[in-house]
Protein backbone atom coordinates (compact mmCIF):
# COMPACT_ATOMS: atom_id res chain seq x y z
CA MET A 1 78.45 90.69 122.99
CA ARG A 2 79.56 91.03 126.57
CA PHE A 3 79.19 93.77 129.15
CA ALA A 4 81.39 93.59 132.26
CA GLY A 5 82.04 89.90 131.63
CA VAL A 6 78.41 88.98 131.33
CA PRO A 7 76.72 88.26 127.98
CA ALA A 8 74.49 91.24 127.11
CA THR A 9 71.41 89.06 126.98
CA MET A 10 71.87 85.95 129.07
CA ARG A 11 69.05 83.55 128.67
CA ARG A 12 67.17 82.31 131.69
CA ASP A 13 68.39 78.74 131.34
CA ASP A 14 72.01 79.90 131.04
CA TRP A 15 71.81 81.84 134.30
CA LEU A 16 70.09 78.90 136.01
CA LEU A 17 72.99 76.70 134.82
CA VAL A 18 75.48 78.90 136.61
CA GLU A 19 73.34 78.85 139.77
CA TRP A 20 72.93 75.05 139.54
CA VAL A 21 76.69 74.56 139.15
CA ALA A 22 77.36 76.81 142.17
CA GLY A 23 75.12 74.71 144.39
CA ALA A 24 75.58 71.24 142.89
CA GLN A 25 76.50 68.35 145.16
CA PRO A 26 78.15 65.06 144.14
CA GLY A 27 75.52 62.77 142.61
CA ASP A 28 73.04 65.54 141.72
CA PRO A 29 71.41 64.79 138.34
CA PHE A 30 72.23 67.21 135.56
CA PRO A 31 69.53 69.87 135.04
CA GLU A 32 67.34 70.28 131.96
CA PRO A 33 68.11 70.80 129.11
CA TRP A 34 71.74 69.85 129.80
CA CYS A 35 70.91 66.29 130.84
CA GLN A 36 69.66 65.69 127.31
CA ALA A 37 73.01 66.47 125.72
CA HIS A 38 75.18 63.71 124.30
CA SER A 39 77.82 64.75 126.83
CA PRO A 40 76.13 66.87 129.52
CA LEU A 41 79.35 67.72 131.42
CA GLN A 42 81.13 68.76 128.26
CA ALA A 43 78.17 70.88 127.11
CA MET A 44 77.83 72.61 130.44
CA ILE A 45 81.57 73.32 130.68
CA GLY A 46 81.57 74.71 127.17
CA ARG A 47 78.75 77.09 128.06
CA LEU A 48 80.44 78.22 131.29
CA VAL A 49 83.68 78.89 129.40
CA GLU A 50 81.67 80.91 126.89
CA PHE A 51 80.26 83.08 129.68
CA GLY A 52 83.66 83.59 131.25
CA VAL A 53 82.65 81.76 134.46
CA ILE A 54 85.60 79.37 134.11
CA ALA A 55 88.70 78.99 131.98
CA PRO A 56 88.83 75.86 129.80
CA PRO A 57 90.07 72.93 131.95
CA ALA A 58 93.51 71.62 131.14
CA PRO A 59 93.48 68.39 129.07
CA GLY A 60 93.65 65.31 131.30
CA THR A 61 92.20 67.00 134.36
CA ASP A 62 90.03 64.50 136.32
CA VAL A 63 86.33 65.09 136.50
CA ALA A 64 86.25 65.51 140.33
CA THR A 65 88.81 68.35 140.12
CA ILE A 66 86.89 70.00 137.29
CA ALA A 67 83.64 69.75 139.27
CA ARG A 68 85.18 71.25 142.43
CA GLU A 69 86.87 74.07 140.66
CA THR A 70 83.88 74.85 138.46
CA SER A 71 81.55 74.96 141.48
CA ALA A 72 83.84 77.34 143.33
CA ALA A 73 84.25 79.51 140.24
CA ALA A 74 80.46 79.66 139.69
CA LYS A 75 79.91 80.76 143.30
CA GLN A 76 82.54 83.48 142.93
CA TRP A 77 81.15 84.58 139.58
CA LEU A 78 77.60 84.91 141.00
CA GLU A 79 78.93 87.04 143.85
CA GLN A 80 80.62 89.37 141.42
CA HIS A 81 77.79 89.62 138.92
CA PRO A 82 74.36 90.72 140.12
CA ARG A 83 71.52 88.90 138.40
CA PRO A 84 70.61 90.86 135.25
CA PRO A 85 67.20 90.96 133.65
CA LEU A 86 66.96 87.64 131.90
CA ALA A 87 65.99 87.54 128.24
CA PRO A 88 62.98 85.31 127.56
CA GLN A 89 63.52 82.03 125.74
CA GLN A 90 63.02 82.49 122.04
CA VAL A 91 60.69 79.70 120.99
CA PRO A 92 58.86 79.87 117.69
CA ARG A 93 55.08 79.88 118.13
CA LYS A 94 54.59 77.31 115.45
CA MET A 95 57.17 75.08 113.85
CA THR A 96 56.16 73.51 110.60
CA TRP A 97 57.94 71.38 108.06
CA GLY A 98 57.28 71.55 104.37
CA PRO A 99 54.83 73.67 102.39
CA GLN A 100 51.95 75.33 104.20
């Protein structure tokens, strides 16, 4: 669900992703948890597309162009969307496998 282009309950790490992308410099390491993804860049772009921060890049677009355009779009998006209250991460208290 979206409200004014922003997911109704944007998780803290999602908002931090947009902020990181807006301020990222060439060579910066990918932030957690995105750096753990099989393809961090692809995972982050997918999430930013989902939020409406960017449109999906055209096939064949080089990585440098995607990075520049995504950073500029993230800065603009943050200017247009005041930071909402962030929903807490939903982490189970206890994860167990098998019978208790």
